[in-house]
């Protein structure tokens, strides 16, 4: 669950103020991830507010008062819950926000299978997903040369 002092709210990427706050968190977090995985070309850093608004996905965020601290992007289609992105502002790392957002999402959506992916070199994310019960499912290399891994989780009692 999310730590005291934070609350989770839906985010509207079409609202200009919210979109700017989301963009700031995505950029700060993805800059850290790009360095962590030694990626010179990291496509998530090129994603714009318009890209997110047009994606057809949903967003939730962790807030501390009026500060957006973490964002989770997802799509729940029938039985499949697909986590498209999960970012935490580096100023709020190691405070349980990522796991809190995932728990909140999984408790609030109907699903039998949940999927998430990350770079193979992103050890903190891999540790998080495995700690939450996700299993390694598939690996591949992206067009820009980033090795990725997908995780899946099947709900025992849907």
C-alpha atoms as a PDB file:
ATOM      1  CA  UNK A   1       0.000   0.000   0.000  1.00  0.00           C
ATOM      2  CA  UNK A   2       0.996   3.624  -0.439  1.00  0.00           C
ATOM      3  CA  UNK A   3       2.835   5.417   2.359  1.00  0.00           C
ATOM      4  CA  UNK A   4       1.107   7.881   4.634  1.00  0.00           C
ATOM      5  CA  UNK A   5       1.219  11.395   3.246  1.00  0.00           C
ATOM      6  CA  UNK A   6       0.688  10.271  -0.355  1.00  0.00           C
ATOM      7  CA  UNK A   7      -2.562   9.713  -2.185  1.00  0.00           C
ATOM      8  CA  UNK A   8      -3.368   8.101  -5.525  1.00  0.00           C
ATOM      9  CA  UNK A   9      -5.539   9.876  -8.069  1.00  0.00           C
ATOM     10  CA  UNK A  10      -6.409   9.393 -11.741  1.00  0.00           C
ATOM     11  CA  UNK A  11      -4.452  11.651 -14.085  1.00  0.00           C
ATOM     12  CA  UNK A  12      -5.791  13.390 -17.191  1.00  0.00           C
ATOM     13  CA  UNK A  13      -3.002  13.746 -19.771  1.00  0.00           C
ATOM     14  CA  UNK A  14      -5.229  16.146 -21.752  1.00  0.00           C
ATOM     15  CA  UNK A  15      -5.223  18.697 -18.914  1.00  0.00           C
ATOM     16  CA  UNK A  16      -2.276  21.031 -19.674  1.00  0.00           C
ATOM     17  CA  UNK A  17      -1.187  21.514 -16.037  1.00  0.00           C
ATOM     18  CA  UNK A  18      -1.387  17.788 -15.274  1.00  0.00           C
ATOM     19  CA  UNK A  19       0.398  16.932 -18.543  1.00  0.00           C
ATOM     20  CA  UNK A  20       3.316  19.226 -17.644  1.00  0.00           C
ATOM     21  CA  UNK A  21       3.617  17.667 -14.194  1.00  0.00           C
ATOM     22  CA  UNK A  22       3.522  14.195 -15.733  1.00  0.00           C
ATOM     23  CA  UNK A  23       6.151  15.137 -18.319  1.00  0.00           C
ATOM     24  CA  UNK A  24       8.485  16.400 -15.591  1.00  0.00           C
ATOM     25  CA  UNK A  25       8.242  13.131 -13.639  1.00  0.00           C
ATOM     26  CA  UNK A  26       8.682  11.016 -16.783  1.00  0.00           C
ATOM     27  CA  UNK A  27      11.738  12.995 -17.869  1.00  0.00           C
ATOM     28  CA  UNK A  28      13.487  12.948 -14.478  1.00  0.00           C
ATOM     29  CA  UNK A  29      12.821   9.243 -13.956  1.00  0.00           C
ATOM     30  CA  UNK A  30      13.713   8.159 -17.492  1.00  0.00           C
ATOM     31  CA  UNK A  31      16.986  10.115 -17.394  1.00  0.00           C
ATOM     32  CA  UNK A  32      17.987   8.013 -14.387  1.00  0.00           C
ATOM     33  CA  UNK A  33      16.852   4.803 -16.096  1.00  0.00           C
ATOM     34  CA  UNK A  34      18.717   5.622 -19.319  1.00  0.00           C
ATOM     35  CA  UNK A  35      21.930   6.092 -17.322  1.00  0.00           C
ATOM     36  CA  UNK A  36      21.261   2.935 -15.284  1.00  0.00           C
ATOM     37  CA  UNK A  37      20.918   0.768 -18.399  1.00  0.00           C
ATOM     38  CA  UNK A  38      23.645   2.647 -20.335  1.00  0.00           C
ATOM     39  CA  UNK A  39      21.285   3.642 -23.145  1.00  0.00           C
ATOM     40  CA  UNK A  40      22.414   6.490 -25.387  1.00  0.00           C
ATOM     41  CA  UNK A  41      19.137   6.297 -27.304  1.00  0.00           C
ATOM     42  CA  UNK A  42      16.228   5.818 -24.891  1.00  0.00           C
ATOM     43  CA  UNK A  43      12.912   6.286 -26.770  1.00  0.00           C
ATOM     44  CA  UNK A  44      10.769   6.989 -23.675  1.00  0.00           C
ATOM     45  CA  UNK A  45      12.680  10.270 -23.255  1.00  0.00           C
ATOM     46  CA  UNK A  46      11.342  11.385 -26.659  1.00  0.00           C
ATOM     47  CA  UNK A  47       7.691  10.875 -25.716  1.00  0.00           C
ATOM     48  CA  UNK A  48       5.659  14.082 -25.660  1.00  0.00           C
ATOM     49  CA  UNK A  49       2.574  15.213 -23.757  1.00  0.00           C
ATOM     50  CA  UNK A  50       0.606  14.782 -26.991  1.00  0.00           C
ATOM     51  CA  UNK A  51       1.895  11.207 -27.364  1.00  0.00           C
ATOM     52  CA  UNK A  52       0.554  10.369 -23.897  1.00  0.00           C
ATOM     53  CA  UNK A  53      -2.758  12.165 -24.507  1.00  0.00           C
ATOM     54  CA  UNK A  54      -3.240  10.245 -27.772  1.00  0.00           C
ATOM     55  CA  UNK A  55      -2.119   6.847 -26.428  1.00  0.00           C
ATOM     56  CA  UNK A  56      -5.555   5.555 -25.428  1.00  0.00           C
ATOM     57  CA  UNK A  57      -4.168   4.440 -22.062  1.00  0.00           C
ATOM     58  CA  UNK A  58      -5.081   5.477 -18.534  1.00  0.00           C
ATOM     59  CA  UNK A  59      -2.890   7.055 -15.890  1.00  0.00           C
ATOM     60  CA  UNK A  60      -2.810   7.158 -12.113  1.00  0.00           C
ATOM     61  CA  UNK A  61      -0.434   9.178  -9.999  1.00  0.00           C
ATOM     62  CA  UNK A  62       0.897   9.334  -6.469  1.00  0.00           C
ATOM     63  CA  UNK A  63       0.689  12.820  -5.005  1.00  0.00           C
ATOM     64  CA  UNK A  64       2.247  14.384  -1.942  1.00  0.00           C
ATOM     65  CA  UNK A  65       0.048  17.411  -1.412  1.00  0.00           C
ATOM     66  CA  UNK A  66       0.186  19.137  -4.815  1.00  0.00           C
ATOM     67  CA  UNK A  67       3.412  17.449  -5.968  1.00  0.00           C
ATOM     68  CA  UNK A  68       3.132  14.604  -8.452  1.00  0.00           C
ATOM     69  CA  UNK A  69       5.697  12.035  -7.316  1.00  0.00           C
ATOM     70  CA  UNK A  70       4.998   8.944  -9.450  1.00  0.00           C
ATOM     71  CA  UNK A  71       2.974   7.919 -12.520  1.00  0.00           C
ATOM     72  CA  UNK A  72       1.657   4.566 -13.721  1.00  0.00           C
ATOM     73  CA  UNK A  73       0.282   4.189 -17.269  1.00  0.00           C
ATOM     74  CA  UNK A  74      -1.887   1.185 -18.014  1.00  0.00           C
ATOM     75  CA  UNK A  75      -4.504  -0.424 -20.183  1.00  0.00           C
ATOM     76  CA  UNK A  76      -6.982  -2.998 -18.917  1.00  0.00           C
ATOM     77  CA  UNK A  77      -8.514  -4.861 -21.834  1.00  0.00           C
ATOM     78  CA  UNK A  78     -10.887  -7.636 -20.852  1.00  0.00           C
ATOM     79  CA  UNK A  79      -8.830  -9.969 -18.660  1.00  0.00           C
ATOM     80  CA  UNK A  80      -5.404  -8.477 -19.413  1.00  0.00           C
ATOM     81  CA  UNK A  81      -3.898  -5.688 -17.335  1.00  0.00           C
ATOM     82  CA  UNK A  82      -0.943  -4.190 -19.172  1.00  0.00           C
ATOM     83  CA  UNK A  83       1.329  -1.781 -17.323  1.00  0.00           C
ATOM     84  CA  UNK A  84       2.779   0.449 -20.045  1.00  0.00           C
ATOM     85  CA  UNK A  85       4.988   2.639 -17.866  1.00  0.00           C
ATOM     86  CA  UNK A  86       5.812   3.189 -14.230  1.00  0.00           C
ATOM     87  CA  UNK A  87       7.988   6.112 -13.180  1.00  0.00           C
ATOM     88  CA  UNK A  88       8.925   7.650  -9.848  1.00  0.00           C
ATOM     89  CA  UNK A  89      10.507  11.059  -9.444  1.00  0.00           C
ATOM     90  CA  UNK A  90      14.085  10.370  -8.264  1.00  0.00           C
ATOM     91  CA  UNK A  91      13.510  12.654  -5.247  1.00  0.00           C
ATOM     92  CA  UNK A  92      10.970  10.048  -4.072  1.00  0.00           C
ATOM     93  CA  UNK A  93      12.828   6.797  -4.871  1.00  0.00           C
ATOM     94  CA  UNK A  94      12.745   4.003  -2.273  1.00  0.00           C
ATOM     95  CA  UNK A  95       9.537   5.183  -0.604  1.00  0.00           C
ATOM     96  CA  UNK A  96       7.249   2.390  -1.814  1.00  0.00           C
ATOM     97  CA  UNK A  97       5.485   4.487  -4.441  1.00  0.00           C
ATOM     98  CA  UNK A  98       5.959   2.070  -7.348  1.00  0.00           C
ATOM     99  CA  UNK A  99       4.695  -0.932  -5.403  1.00  0.00           C
ATOM    100  CA  UNK A 100       1.879   1.187  -3.940  1.00  0.00           C
ATOM    101  CA  UNK A 101       0.716   2.222  -7.405  1.00  0.00           C
ATOM    102  CA  UNK A 102       0.850  -1.368  -8.661  1.00  0.00           C
ATOM    103  CA  UNK A 103      -1.108  -2.679  -5.659  1.00  0.00           C
ATOM    104  CA  UNK A 104      -3.690   0.081  -6.066  1.00  0.00           C
ATOM    105  CA  UNK A 105      -4.050  -0.681  -9.773  1.00  0.00           C
ATOM    106  CA  UNK A 106      -4.368  -4.435  -9.314  1.00  0.00           C
ATOM    107  CA  UNK A 107      -6.949  -3.952  -6.558  1.00  0.00           C
ATOM    108  CA  UNK A 108      -9.056  -1.560  -8.650  1.00  0.00           C
ATOM    109  CA  UNK A 109      -9.150  -3.307 -12.053  1.00  0.00           C
ATOM    110  CA  UNK A 110     -10.676  -6.590 -13.250  1.00  0.00           C
ATOM    111  CA  UNK A 111      -7.900  -8.818 -14.578  1.00  0.00           C
ATOM    112  CA  UNK A 112      -6.680 -12.395 -14.724  1.00  0.00           C
ATOM    113  CA  UNK A 113      -3.263 -11.709 -16.290  1.00  0.00           C
ATOM    114  CA  UNK A 114      -1.032  -8.712 -15.630  1.00  0.00           C
ATOM    115  CA  UNK A 115       1.929  -7.842 -17.879  1.00  0.00           C
ATOM    116  CA  UNK A 116       4.831  -5.437 -17.449  1.00  0.00           C
ATOM    117  CA  UNK A 117       8.196  -5.035 -19.154  1.00  0.00           C
ATOM    118  CA  UNK A 118      11.494  -3.316 -18.459  1.00  0.00           C
ATOM    119  CA  UNK A 119      15.103  -3.280 -19.574  1.00  0.00           C
ATOM    120  CA  UNK A 120      17.057  -6.355 -18.521  1.00  0.00           C
ATOM    121  CA  UNK A 121      19.652  -4.034 -16.979  1.00  0.00           C
ATOM    122  CA  UNK A 122      17.023  -2.314 -14.791  1.00  0.00           C
ATOM    123  CA  UNK A 123      17.704  -4.381 -11.685  1.00  0.00           C
ATOM    124  CA  UNK A 124      15.569  -2.263  -9.300  1.00  0.00           C
ATOM    125  CA  UNK A 125      12.489  -2.743 -11.514  1.00  0.00           C
ATOM    126  CA  UNK A 126      13.164  -6.460 -11.954  1.00  0.00           C
ATOM    127  CA  UNK A 127      13.492  -6.864  -8.183  1.00  0.00           C
ATOM    128  CA  UNK A 128      10.218  -4.995  -7.657  1.00  0.00           C
ATOM    129  CA  UNK A 129       8.254  -7.084 -10.150  1.00  0.00           C
ATOM    130  CA  UNK A 130       9.629 -10.364  -8.830  1.00  0.00           C
ATOM    131  CA  UNK A 131       8.914  -9.285  -5.246  1.00  0.00           C
ATOM    132  CA  UNK A 132       5.304  -8.628  -6.286  1.00  0.00           C
ATOM    133  CA  UNK A 133       5.024 -12.174  -7.679  1.00  0.00           C
ATOM    134  CA  UNK A 134       5.561 -11.523 -11.390  1.00  0.00           C
ATOM    135  CA  UNK A 135       7.391 -14.237 -13.349  1.00  0.00           C
ATOM    136  CA  UNK A 136       9.889 -13.772 -16.150  1.00  0.00           C
ATOM    137  CA  UNK A 137       8.061 -14.420 -19.388  1.00  0.00           C
ATOM    138  CA  UNK A 138       9.978 -13.332 -22.493  1.00  0.00           C
ATOM    139  CA  UNK A 139      13.145 -11.455 -23.533  1.00  0.00           C
ATOM    140  CA  UNK A 140      14.018  -9.594 -26.741  1.00  0.00           C
ATOM    141  CA  UNK A 141      16.119  -6.767 -28.133  1.00  0.00           C
ATOM    142  CA  UNK A 142      14.435  -3.547 -29.283  1.00  0.00           C
ATOM    143  CA  UNK A 143      15.189  -1.749 -32.561  1.00  0.00           C
ATOM    144  CA  UNK A 144      17.554   0.592 -30.684  1.00  0.00           C
ATOM    145  CA  UNK A 145      19.444  -2.290 -29.075  1.00  0.00           C
ATOM    146  CA  UNK A 146      17.942  -2.300 -25.575  1.00  0.00           C
ATOM    147  CA  UNK A 147      17.541  -5.788 -24.110  1.00  0.00           C
ATOM    148  CA  UNK A 148      14.086  -6.088 -22.548  1.00  0.00           C
ATOM    149  CA  UNK A 149      12.226  -8.557 -20.404  1.00  0.00           C
ATOM    150  CA  UNK A 150       8.492  -9.057 -19.965  1.00  0.00           C
ATOM    151  CA  UNK A 151       6.934 -10.301 -16.739  1.00  0.00           C
ATOM    152  CA  UNK A 152       3.503 -11.813 -16.205  1.00  0.00           C
ATOM    153  CA  UNK A 153       1.329 -12.494 -13.210  1.00  0.00           C
ATOM    154  CA  UNK A 154      -1.801 -14.648 -13.146  1.00  0.00           C
ATOM    155  CA  UNK A 155      -4.458 -13.798 -10.593  1.00  0.00           C
ATOM    156  CA  UNK A 156      -5.295 -16.793  -8.485  1.00  0.00           C
ATOM    157  CA  UNK A 157      -8.834 -15.739  -7.545  1.00  0.00           C
ATOM    158  CA  UNK A 158     -10.202 -13.359 -10.201  1.00  0.00           C
END
